[in-house]
Amino acid sequence: MLYPLPVVMVSCALKGERPNIITVAWTGTICSDPPMVSISVRKSRYSHHIIKLSGEFVINLTDEKLARAADYCGVKSGKDTDKFKECALTELKSEKVSPPGIKESPVCIECRVKEIRELGSHDMFIAEVVSVSVDDEYMNKNGKFELADAKPVVYSHGEYYMLGKRLGSFGFSVKKRKKHESIHN
């Protein structure tokens, strides 16, 4: 019941085969040094086998423009469907892993599996981040990624939502306030 969750499109591939995309909401950062992430994938999904055999995947963040494709990639099986073609998505050559990223994604996170945890209905793939590609459109003049400009999508109880309103930055609750400001402003 931890909602909302990020909606990401995970691209994966076996050598010599068509790449696939699976939509995942059970994902997250689990370590900063070394940078590591996890995704949980149902064992019955077509992509599970691909990720388990290849040991690689790319997490592609979704934005408002990718919401329809993310939903499609979450309900259609890649076993019989070329999701890149059906969703008019462009394969982006990865820097350090075999599966392509999604060019239309604001951020592509290349990952190598370090451990697989069998949890029940899902397996958790714990992976090291080996490369990150960010669309220049979302970088400000100081080289900072402007997440809100990408209008990221989250998932909550069968519904998709778009984020975007900034409420503060790390430490804003303890920074000195102007004399007339209160904590409730």
N, C-alpha and C. Protein backbone atom coordinates (compact mmCIF):
# COMPACT_ATOMS: atom_id res chain seq x y z
N MET A 1 0.80 -1.21 0.00
CA MET A 1 0.00 0.00 0.00
C MET A 1 0.85 1.27 0.00
N LEU A 2 2.08 1.16 -0.46
CA LEU A 2 2.93 2.35 -0.58
C LEU A 2 2.69 2.96 -1.96
N TYR A 3 1.85 3.98 -2.00
CA TYR A 3 1.53 4.64 -3.26
C TYR A 3 1.75 6.12 -3.12
N PRO A 4 1.99 6.89 -4.18
CA PRO A 4 2.13 6.43 -5.56
C PRO A 4 3.51 5.84 -5.80
N LEU A 5 3.64 5.18 -6.93
CA LEU A 5 4.89 4.54 -7.35
C LEU A 5 5.33 5.12 -8.69
N PRO A 6 6.63 5.18 -8.93
CA PRO A 6 7.06 5.65 -10.25
C PRO A 6 6.66 4.64 -11.32
N VAL A 7 6.34 5.13 -12.49
CA VAL A 7 6.06 4.25 -13.62
C VAL A 7 7.27 4.32 -14.53
N VAL A 8 7.93 3.19 -14.73
CA VAL A 8 9.08 3.15 -15.62
C VAL A 8 8.86 2.10 -16.69
N MET A 9 9.51 2.30 -17.81
CA MET A 9 9.48 1.32 -18.89
C MET A 9 10.87 0.68 -18.90
N VAL A 10 10.91 -0.61 -18.68
CA VAL A 10 12.18 -1.34 -18.62
C VAL A 10 12.40 -2.04 -19.95
N SER A 11 13.49 -1.67 -20.62
CA SER A 11 13.81 -2.33 -21.88
C SER A 11 14.83 -3.42 -21.59
N CYS A 12 14.67 -4.52 -22.32
CA CYS A 12 15.54 -5.68 -22.12
C CYS A 12 15.67 -6.41 -23.46
N ALA A 13 16.71 -7.24 -23.57
CA ALA A 13 16.92 -7.95 -24.83
C ALA A 13 17.89 -9.10 -24.64
N LEU A 14 17.68 -10.13 -25.45
CA LEU A 14 18.65 -11.22 -25.57
C LEU A 14 19.37 -11.01 -26.89
N LYS A 15 20.64 -11.36 -26.94
CA LYS A 15 21.42 -11.18 -28.18
C LYS A 15 20.71 -11.85 -29.35
N GLY A 16 20.63 -11.11 -30.46
CA GLY A 16 20.04 -11.63 -31.68
C GLY A 16 18.53 -11.64 -31.71
N GLU A 17 17.87 -11.16 -30.62
CA GLU A 17 16.41 -11.14 -30.59
C GLU A 17 15.90 -9.71 -30.49
N ARG A 18 14.64 -9.54 -30.84
CA ARG A 18 14.00 -8.23 -30.78
C ARG A 18 13.93 -7.76 -29.32
N PRO A 19 14.31 -6.51 -29.04
CA PRO A 19 14.21 -6.01 -27.66
C PRO A 19 12.75 -5.89 -27.22
N ASN A 20 12.54 -5.92 -25.93
CA ASN A 20 11.21 -5.82 -25.37
C ASN A 20 11.15 -4.70 -24.34
N ILE A 21 9.94 -4.29 -24.03
CA ILE A 21 9.70 -3.27 -23.01
C ILE A 21 8.62 -3.79 -22.08
N ILE A 22 8.87 -3.71 -20.77
CA ILE A 22 7.87 -4.04 -19.77
C ILE A 22 7.69 -2.82 -18.87
N THR A 23 6.47 -2.51 -18.52
CA THR A 23 6.21 -1.41 -17.60
C THR A 23 6.27 -1.95 -16.18
N VAL A 24 6.99 -1.23 -15.33
CA VAL A 24 7.19 -1.65 -13.95
C VAL A 24 6.89 -0.48 -13.02
N ALA A 25 6.15 -0.76 -11.96
CA ALA A 25 5.91 0.26 -10.94
C ALA A 25 6.65 -0.09 -9.64
N TRP A 26 7.06 -1.33 -9.50
CA TRP A 26 7.80 -1.72 -8.29
C TRP A 26 9.28 -1.59 -8.58
N THR A 27 9.79 -0.38 -8.37
CA THR A 27 11.18 -0.06 -8.66
C THR A 27 11.66 1.02 -7.71
N GLY A 28 12.96 1.12 -7.56
CA GLY A 28 13.47 2.18 -6.72
C GLY A 28 14.98 2.16 -6.57
N THR A 29 15.50 3.26 -6.05
CA THR A 29 16.90 3.37 -5.72
C THR A 29 17.13 2.65 -4.40
N ILE A 30 18.20 1.85 -4.33
CA ILE A 30 18.45 1.13 -3.08
C ILE A 30 19.83 1.42 -2.49
N CYS A 31 20.71 2.09 -3.24
CA CYS A 31 22.04 2.42 -2.74
C CYS A 31 22.60 3.55 -3.59
N SER A 32 23.37 4.45 -2.95
CA SER A 32 23.96 5.55 -3.72
C SER A 32 25.43 5.31 -4.05
N ASP A 33 26.12 4.49 -3.26
CA ASP A 33 27.54 4.24 -3.54
C ASP A 33 27.88 2.79 -3.23
N PRO A 34 27.90 1.91 -4.24
CA PRO A 34 27.72 2.21 -5.66
C PRO A 34 26.24 2.43 -5.98
N PRO A 35 25.95 3.17 -7.04
CA PRO A 35 24.55 3.40 -7.38
C PRO A 35 23.86 2.09 -7.77
N MET A 36 22.79 1.78 -7.05
CA MET A 36 22.06 0.53 -7.30
C MET A 36 20.56 0.78 -7.26
N VAL A 37 19.85 -0.02 -8.03
CA VAL A 37 18.40 0.06 -8.12
C VAL A 37 17.83 -1.35 -8.02
N SER A 38 16.52 -1.39 -7.89
CA SER A 38 15.85 -2.69 -7.95
C SER A 38 14.59 -2.56 -8.79
N ILE A 39 14.23 -3.65 -9.43
CA ILE A 39 12.92 -3.77 -10.08
C ILE A 39 12.37 -5.12 -9.67
N SER A 40 11.07 -5.20 -9.49
CA SER A 40 10.43 -6.48 -9.20
C SER A 40 9.54 -6.85 -10.37
N VAL A 41 9.75 -8.06 -10.88
CA VAL A 41 9.04 -8.51 -12.07
C VAL A 41 8.38 -9.86 -11.77
N ARG A 42 7.12 -9.96 -12.14
CA ARG A 42 6.38 -11.21 -11.96
C ARG A 42 7.05 -12.31 -12.79
N LYS A 43 7.24 -13.47 -12.18
CA LYS A 43 7.96 -14.58 -12.84
C LYS A 43 7.31 -15.02 -14.14
N SER A 44 6.00 -14.84 -14.26
CA SER A 44 5.29 -15.29 -15.46
C SER A 44 5.44 -14.33 -16.64
N ARG A 45 6.00 -13.17 -16.43
CA ARG A 45 6.12 -12.18 -17.51
C ARG A 45 7.23 -12.57 -18.48
N TYR A 46 7.02 -12.29 -19.73
CA TYR A 46 7.97 -12.57 -20.81
C TYR A 46 9.33 -11.93 -20.52
N SER A 47 9.34 -10.71 -20.02
CA SER A 47 10.59 -9.99 -19.76
C SER A 47 11.39 -10.59 -18.62
N HIS A 48 10.75 -11.27 -17.69
CA HIS A 48 11.45 -11.87 -16.56
C HIS A 48 12.56 -12.79 -17.06
N HIS A 49 12.20 -13.66 -17.97
CA HIS A 49 13.15 -14.63 -18.55
C HIS A 49 14.31 -13.90 -19.24
N ILE A 50 13.99 -12.85 -19.98
CA ILE A 50 15.01 -12.09 -20.71
C ILE A 50 16.00 -11.45 -19.74
N ILE A 51 15.49 -10.80 -18.72
CA ILE A 51 16.36 -10.12 -17.76
C ILE A 51 17.19 -11.14 -16.97
N LYS A 52 16.57 -12.24 -16.61
CA LYS A 52 17.29 -13.28 -15.86
C LYS A 52 18.44 -13.86 -16.68
N LEU A 53 18.21 -14.12 -17.96
CA LEU A 53 19.25 -14.69 -18.82
C LEU A 53 20.33 -13.66 -19.21
N SER A 54 19.91 -12.45 -19.54
CA SER A 54 20.87 -11.45 -20.03
C SER A 54 21.62 -10.76 -18.90
N GLY A 55 20.98 -10.62 -17.75
CA GLY A 55 21.60 -9.93 -16.63
C GLY A 55 21.71 -8.43 -16.83
N GLU A 56 20.92 -7.89 -17.75
CA GLU A 56 20.96 -6.46 -18.05
C GLU A 56 19.57 -5.93 -18.35
N PHE A 57 19.38 -4.64 -18.10
CA PHE A 57 18.14 -3.96 -18.49
C PHE A 57 18.38 -2.46 -18.43
N VAL A 58 17.44 -1.71 -18.99
CA VAL A 58 17.50 -0.25 -18.95
C VAL A 58 16.19 0.25 -18.37
N ILE A 59 16.29 1.07 -17.32
CA ILE A 59 15.11 1.71 -16.76
C ILE A 59 14.94 3.04 -17.49
N ASN A 60 13.79 3.21 -18.12
CA ASN A 60 13.46 4.42 -18.87
C ASN A 60 12.36 5.16 -18.12
N LEU A 61 12.66 6.36 -17.63
CA LEU A 61 11.64 7.12 -16.92
C LEU A 61 10.54 7.51 -17.90
N THR A 62 9.34 7.61 -17.38
CA THR A 62 8.21 7.99 -18.23
C THR A 62 7.76 9.40 -17.90
N ASP A 63 7.23 10.05 -18.90
CA ASP A 63 6.69 11.39 -18.75
C ASP A 63 5.29 11.41 -19.35
N GLU A 64 4.70 12.58 -19.36
CA GLU A 64 3.34 12.72 -19.87
C GLU A 64 3.22 12.18 -21.30
N LYS A 65 4.22 12.45 -22.14
CA LYS A 65 4.18 12.01 -23.54
C LYS A 65 4.26 10.48 -23.66
N LEU A 66 4.82 9.81 -22.68
CA LEU A 66 4.99 8.35 -22.74
C LEU A 66 3.91 7.58 -21.97
N ALA A 67 2.94 8.28 -21.40
CA ALA A 67 1.94 7.61 -20.56
C ALA A 67 1.18 6.51 -21.32
N ARG A 68 0.73 6.80 -22.53
CA ARG A 68 -0.02 5.80 -23.31
C ARG A 68 0.87 4.60 -23.64
N ALA A 69 2.11 4.85 -24.04
CA ALA A 69 3.04 3.76 -24.36
C ALA A 69 3.34 2.93 -23.11
N ALA A 70 3.50 3.60 -21.97
CA ALA A 70 3.76 2.88 -20.72
C ALA A 70 2.61 1.95 -20.39
N ASP A 71 1.39 2.43 -20.55
CA ASP A 71 0.24 1.57 -20.28
C ASP A 71 0.20 0.39 -21.25
N TYR A 72 0.41 0.67 -22.53
CA TYR A 72 0.40 -0.38 -23.55
C TYR A 72 1.45 -1.45 -23.24
N CYS A 73 2.65 -1.01 -22.89
CA CYS A 73 3.75 -1.96 -22.61
C CYS A 73 3.51 -2.74 -21.32
N GLY A 74 2.58 -2.27 -20.51
CA GLY A 74 2.23 -2.98 -19.28
C GLY A 74 1.12 -3.99 -19.45
N VAL A 75 0.34 -3.87 -20.53
CA VAL A 75 -0.78 -4.80 -20.72
C VAL A 75 -0.59 -5.76 -21.89
N LYS A 76 0.31 -5.46 -22.80
CA LYS A 76 0.59 -6.33 -23.94
C LYS A 76 1.85 -7.14 -23.70
N SER A 77 1.86 -8.38 -24.11
CA SER A 77 3.05 -9.21 -23.98
C SER A 77 4.00 -8.98 -25.15
N GLY A 78 5.28 -8.90 -24.84
CA GLY A 78 6.29 -8.74 -25.87
C GLY A 78 6.59 -10.03 -26.60
N LYS A 79 6.01 -11.10 -26.13
CA LYS A 79 6.23 -12.41 -26.77
C LYS A 79 5.77 -12.37 -28.24
N ASP A 80 4.65 -11.71 -28.48
CA ASP A 80 4.08 -11.65 -29.83
C ASP A 80 4.00 -10.24 -30.39
N THR A 81 4.48 -9.25 -29.64
CA THR A 81 4.31 -7.85 -30.03
C THR A 81 5.64 -7.11 -30.01
N ASP A 82 5.92 -6.37 -31.07
CA ASP A 82 7.08 -5.50 -31.11
C ASP A 82 6.63 -4.17 -30.52
N LYS A 83 6.90 -3.98 -29.24
CA LYS A 83 6.40 -2.80 -28.54
C LYS A 83 7.06 -1.51 -29.01
N PHE A 84 8.32 -1.57 -29.40
CA PHE A 84 8.96 -0.37 -29.95
C PHE A 84 8.17 0.09 -31.18
N LYS A 85 7.86 -0.85 -32.08
CA LYS A 85 7.14 -0.54 -33.31
C LYS A 85 5.71 -0.08 -33.02
N GLU A 86 5.00 -0.84 -32.21
CA GLU A 86 3.59 -0.54 -31.93
C GLU A 86 3.41 0.80 -31.24
N CYS A 87 4.37 1.21 -30.43
CA CYS A 87 4.28 2.48 -29.70
C CYS A 87 5.05 3.62 -30.37
N ALA A 88 5.59 3.34 -31.56
CA ALA A 88 6.38 4.33 -32.31
C ALA A 88 7.51 4.90 -31.45
N LEU A 89 8.22 3.99 -30.77
CA LEU A 89 9.35 4.38 -29.93
C LEU A 89 10.65 4.08 -30.67
N THR A 90 11.68 4.84 -30.35
CA THR A 90 12.97 4.73 -31.01
C THR A 90 13.97 4.05 -30.07
N GLU A 91 14.66 3.03 -30.58
CA GLU A 91 15.71 2.39 -29.79
C GLU A 91 16.89 3.35 -29.67
N LEU A 92 17.41 3.50 -28.46
CA LEU A 92 18.56 4.34 -28.19
C LEU A 92 19.72 3.42 -27.81
N LYS A 93 20.78 3.41 -28.60
CA LYS A 93 21.92 2.55 -28.31
C LYS A 93 22.46 2.88 -26.93
N SER A 94 22.62 1.84 -26.12
CA SER A 94 23.14 2.02 -24.77
C SER A 94 24.65 2.13 -24.80
N GLU A 95 25.19 2.77 -23.77
CA GLU A 95 26.64 2.95 -23.65
C GLU A 95 27.33 1.68 -23.16
N LYS A 96 26.74 1.00 -22.15
CA LYS A 96 27.46 -0.09 -21.49
C LYS A 96 26.70 -1.41 -21.37
N VAL A 97 25.46 -1.45 -21.80
CA VAL A 97 24.69 -2.70 -21.77
C VAL A 97 24.13 -2.99 -23.15
N SER A 98 23.71 -4.21 -23.38
CA SER A 98 23.19 -4.60 -24.70
C SER A 98 21.80 -4.07 -25.01
N PRO A 99 20.85 -4.13 -24.05
CA PRO A 99 19.50 -3.64 -24.39
C PRO A 99 19.52 -2.16 -24.71
N PRO A 100 18.70 -1.74 -25.65
CA PRO A 100 18.61 -0.30 -25.95
C PRO A 100 17.76 0.42 -24.92
N GLY A 101 18.00 1.72 -24.81
CA GLY A 101 17.09 2.56 -24.04
C GLY A 101 15.98 3.01 -24.97
N ILE A 102 15.13 3.88 -24.47
CA ILE A 102 14.05 4.46 -25.26
C ILE A 102 14.39 5.92 -25.47
N LYS A 103 14.63 6.31 -26.71
CA LYS A 103 15.07 7.67 -27.03
C LYS A 103 14.09 8.73 -26.52
N GLU A 104 12.82 8.44 -26.54
CA GLU A 104 11.80 9.40 -26.12
C GLU A 104 11.74 9.59 -24.61
N SER A 105 12.44 8.78 -23.86
CA SER A 105 12.45 8.87 -22.39
C SER A 105 13.36 10.01 -21.93
N PRO A 106 12.95 10.76 -20.90
CA PRO A 106 13.81 11.83 -20.41
C PRO A 106 15.10 11.31 -19.76
N VAL A 107 15.07 10.10 -19.20
CA VAL A 107 16.24 9.52 -18.55
C VAL A 107 16.26 8.02 -18.81
N CYS A 108 17.43 7.51 -19.22
CA CYS A 108 17.63 6.08 -19.43
C CYS A 108 18.75 5.63 -18.48
N ILE A 109 18.44 4.64 -17.64
CA ILE A 109 19.38 4.17 -16.62
C ILE A 109 19.79 2.75 -16.96
N GLU A 110 21.03 2.58 -17.39
CA GLU A 110 21.55 1.26 -17.77
C GLU A 110 21.96 0.48 -16.53
N CYS A 111 21.54 -0.77 -16.46
CA CYS A 111 21.73 -1.57 -15.25
C CYS A 111 22.26 -2.97 -15.55
N ARG A 112 23.11 -3.45 -14.63
CA ARG A 112 23.59 -4.84 -14.66
C ARG A 112 23.15 -5.54 -13.39
N VAL A 113 22.51 -6.67 -13.54
CA VAL A 113 21.99 -7.42 -12.41
C VAL A 113 23.14 -7.96 -11.56
N LYS A 114 23.04 -7.73 -10.26
CA LYS A 114 24.03 -8.23 -9.30
C LYS A 114 23.46 -9.39 -8.48
N GLU A 115 22.15 -9.37 -8.30
CA GLU A 115 21.51 -10.39 -7.47
C GLU A 115 20.04 -10.51 -7.85
N ILE A 116 19.52 -11.71 -7.76
CA ILE A 116 18.09 -11.94 -7.98
C ILE A 116 17.53 -12.53 -6.69
N ARG A 117 16.54 -11.85 -6.12
CA ARG A 117 15.88 -12.32 -4.90
C ARG A 117 14.52 -12.90 -5.27
N GLU A 118 14.34 -14.17 -5.01
CA GLU A 118 13.03 -14.80 -5.25
C GLU A 118 12.13 -14.46 -4.07
N LEU A 119 11.03 -13.78 -4.36
CA LEU A 119 10.19 -13.26 -3.29
C LEU A 119 8.80 -13.89 -3.23
N GLY A 120 8.43 -14.68 -4.19
CA GLY A 120 7.07 -15.21 -4.27
C GLY A 120 6.58 -15.03 -5.70
N SER A 121 5.52 -14.25 -5.87
CA SER A 121 5.00 -14.02 -7.22
C SER A 121 5.99 -13.25 -8.09
N HIS A 122 6.84 -12.44 -7.47
CA HIS A 122 7.81 -11.61 -8.17
C HIS A 122 9.23 -11.96 -7.74
N ASP A 123 10.16 -11.72 -8.64
CA ASP A 123 11.58 -11.75 -8.30
C ASP A 123 12.06 -10.31 -8.32
N MET A 124 12.92 -9.98 -7.36
CA MET A 124 13.54 -8.66 -7.33
C MET A 124 14.91 -8.75 -7.97
N PHE A 125 15.12 -7.94 -9.00
CA PHE A 125 16.41 -7.85 -9.66
C PHE A 125 17.14 -6.65 -9.05
N ILE A 126 18.20 -6.93 -8.32
CA ILE A 126 19.03 -5.90 -7.73
C ILE A 126 20.17 -5.64 -8.70
N ALA A 127 20.32 -4.39 -9.10
CA ALA A 127 21.26 -4.10 -10.18
C ALA A 127 22.09 -2.85 -9.90
N GLU A 128 23.30 -2.87 -10.44
CA GLU A 128 24.17 -1.70 -10.36
C GLU A 128 23.92 -0.82 -11.58
N VAL A 129 23.84 0.47 -11.33
CA VAL A 129 23.69 1.44 -12.42
C VAL A 129 25.07 1.63 -13.04
N VAL A 130 25.18 1.36 -14.35
CA VAL A 130 26.48 1.46 -15.02
C VAL A 130 26.59 2.66 -15.95
N SER A 131 25.45 3.26 -16.29
CA SER A 131 25.46 4.46 -17.14
C SER A 131 24.08 5.11 -17.09
N VAL A 132 24.05 6.43 -17.26
CA VAL A 132 22.79 7.17 -17.27
C VAL A 132 22.83 8.15 -18.44
N SER A 133 21.75 8.18 -19.22
CA SER A 133 21.60 9.15 -20.32
C SER A 133 20.43 10.05 -19.98
N VAL A 134 20.62 11.36 -20.12
CA VAL A 134 19.57 12.33 -19.83
C VAL A 134 19.33 13.18 -21.07
N ASP A 135 18.07 13.36 -21.43
CA ASP A 135 17.71 14.21 -22.56
C ASP A 135 18.12 15.66 -22.25
N ASP A 136 18.89 16.27 -23.14
CA ASP A 136 19.37 17.64 -22.95
C ASP A 136 18.23 18.64 -22.72
N GLU A 137 17.06 18.32 -23.22
CA GLU A 137 15.90 19.21 -23.07
C GLU A 137 15.60 19.51 -21.59
N TYR A 138 15.95 18.57 -20.70
CA TYR A 138 15.61 18.71 -19.29
C TYR A 138 16.78 19.14 -18.42
N MET A 139 17.88 19.55 -19.05
CA MET A 139 19.04 20.03 -18.30
C MET A 139 19.02 21.56 -18.30
N ASN A 140 19.21 22.18 -17.12
CA ASN A 140 19.23 23.64 -17.08
C ASN A 140 20.63 24.16 -17.42
N LYS A 141 20.79 25.46 -17.44
CA LYS A 141 22.06 26.06 -17.86
C LYS A 141 23.21 25.73 -16.91
N ASN A 142 22.89 25.28 -15.68
CA ASN A 142 23.92 24.91 -14.70
C ASN A 142 24.21 23.41 -14.71
N GLY A 143 23.60 22.69 -15.66
CA GLY A 143 23.84 21.25 -15.75
C GLY A 143 23.02 20.42 -14.77
N LYS A 144 21.96 21.00 -14.22
CA LYS A 144 21.09 20.28 -13.29
C LYS A 144 19.88 19.72 -14.04
N PHE A 145 19.51 18.49 -13.71
CA PHE A 145 18.33 17.86 -14.31
C PHE A 145 17.09 18.47 -13.69
N GLU A 146 16.19 18.97 -14.52
CA GLU A 146 14.94 19.58 -14.06
C GLU A 146 13.81 18.57 -14.19
N LEU A 147 13.65 17.75 -13.17
CA LEU A 147 12.67 16.67 -13.17
C LEU A 147 11.24 17.17 -13.44
N ALA A 148 10.86 18.26 -12.80
CA ALA A 148 9.49 18.76 -12.96
C ALA A 148 9.18 19.09 -14.42
N ASP A 149 10.16 19.56 -15.17
CA ASP A 149 9.94 19.89 -16.58
C ASP A 149 9.61 18.64 -17.40
N ALA A 150 10.07 17.48 -16.94
CA ALA A 150 9.79 16.23 -17.64
C ALA A 150 8.37 15.72 -17.36
N LYS A 151 7.70 16.27 -16.37
CA LYS A 151 6.35 15.87 -16.00
C LYS A 151 6.26 14.35 -15.80
N PRO A 152 7.00 13.84 -14.79
CA PRO A 152 7.03 12.39 -14.57
C PRO A 152 5.67 11.82 -14.20
N VAL A 153 5.50 10.54 -14.53
CA VAL A 153 4.25 9.84 -14.31
C VAL A 153 4.41 8.87 -13.15
N VAL A 154 3.38 8.80 -12.31
CA VAL A 154 3.33 7.84 -11.21
C VAL A 154 2.04 7.04 -11.32
N TYR A 155 2.01 5.93 -10.59
CA TYR A 155 0.89 5.00 -10.63
C TYR A 155 0.31 4.83 -9.23
N SER A 156 -0.99 4.84 -9.11
CA SER A 156 -1.64 4.65 -7.81
C SER A 156 -2.96 3.94 -8.01
N HIS A 157 -3.04 2.72 -7.50
CA HIS A 157 -4.27 1.94 -7.53
C HIS A 157 -4.96 1.92 -8.89
N GLY A 158 -4.22 1.59 -9.94
CA GLY A 158 -4.80 1.46 -11.27
C GLY A 158 -4.95 2.76 -12.04
N GLU A 159 -4.43 3.85 -11.52
CA GLU A 159 -4.54 5.16 -12.17
C GLU A 159 -3.15 5.74 -12.38
N TYR A 160 -3.00 6.51 -13.47
CA TYR A 160 -1.75 7.21 -13.75
C TYR A 160 -1.92 8.69 -13.41
N TYR A 161 -0.89 9.27 -12.81
CA TYR A 161 -0.90 10.68 -12.46
C TYR A 161 0.40 11.33 -12.90
N MET A 162 0.36 12.63 -13.11
CA MET A 162 1.54 13.37 -13.50
C MET A 162 1.99 14.23 -12.31
N LEU A 163 3.29 14.21 -12.04
CA LEU A 163 3.86 15.06 -10.99
C LEU A 163 4.33 16.36 -11.60
N GLY A 164 4.63 17.32 -10.76
CA GLY A 164 5.18 18.54 -11.32
C GLY A 164 5.27 19.72 -10.38
N LYS A 165 4.48 19.77 -9.32
CA LYS A 165 4.53 20.92 -8.43
C LYS A 165 5.62 20.71 -7.37
N ARG A 166 6.59 21.60 -7.36
CA ARG A 166 7.68 21.54 -6.38
C ARG A 166 7.21 22.13 -5.06
N LEU A 167 7.41 21.40 -3.98
CA LEU A 167 6.97 21.86 -2.66
C LEU A 167 8.11 22.38 -1.80
N GLY A 168 9.33 22.07 -2.16
CA GLY A 168 10.49 22.50 -1.39
C GLY A 168 11.70 21.72 -1.85
N SER A 169 12.84 22.03 -1.27
CA SER A 169 14.05 21.27 -1.58
C SER A 169 14.59 20.70 -0.28
N PHE A 170 15.50 19.75 -0.41
CA PHE A 170 16.05 19.07 0.76
C PHE A 170 16.52 20.07 1.80
N GLY A 171 16.02 19.92 3.01
CA GLY A 171 16.40 20.80 4.11
C GLY A 171 15.57 22.06 4.23
N PHE A 172 14.55 22.24 3.39
CA PHE A 172 13.77 23.48 3.42
C PHE A 172 13.07 23.68 4.76
N SER A 173 12.79 22.61 5.47
CA SER A 173 12.05 22.73 6.74
C SER A 173 12.90 23.30 7.86
N VAL A 174 14.21 23.29 7.71
CA VAL A 174 15.07 23.77 8.78
C VAL A 174 15.87 25.02 8.39
N LYS A 175 15.70 25.49 7.17
CA LYS A 175 16.40 26.70 6.74
C LYS A 175 15.82 27.90 7.46
N LYS A 176 16.63 28.92 7.66
CA LYS A 176 16.16 30.15 8.29
C LYS A 176 15.08 30.77 7.42
N ARG A 177 14.02 31.20 8.08
CA ARG A 177 12.91 31.83 7.38
C ARG A 177 12.95 33.34 7.63
N LYS A 178 12.30 34.02 6.72
CA LYS A 178 12.15 35.47 6.92
C LYS A 178 11.31 35.67 8.17
N LYS A 179 11.47 36.79 8.80
CA LYS A 179 10.81 37.07 10.08
C LYS A 179 9.31 36.82 10.04
N HIS A 180 8.62 37.17 8.97
CA HIS A 180 7.17 37.06 8.90
C HIS A 180 6.68 35.69 8.39
N GLU A 181 7.59 34.82 7.95
CA GLU A 181 7.19 33.50 7.47
C GLU A 181 6.93 32.56 8.63
N SER A 182 5.97 31.70 8.47
CA SER A 182 5.75 30.64 9.46
C SER A 182 5.99 29.31 8.79
N ILE A 183 6.08 28.26 9.57
CA ILE A 183 6.32 26.91 9.03
C ILE A 183 5.11 26.43 8.21
N HIS A 184 3.99 27.06 8.39
CA HIS A 184 2.76 26.64 7.69
C HIS A 184 2.59 27.31 6.33
N ASN A 185 3.47 28.21 5.95
CA ASN A 185 3.36 28.88 4.64
C ASN A 185 3.71 27.96 3.52
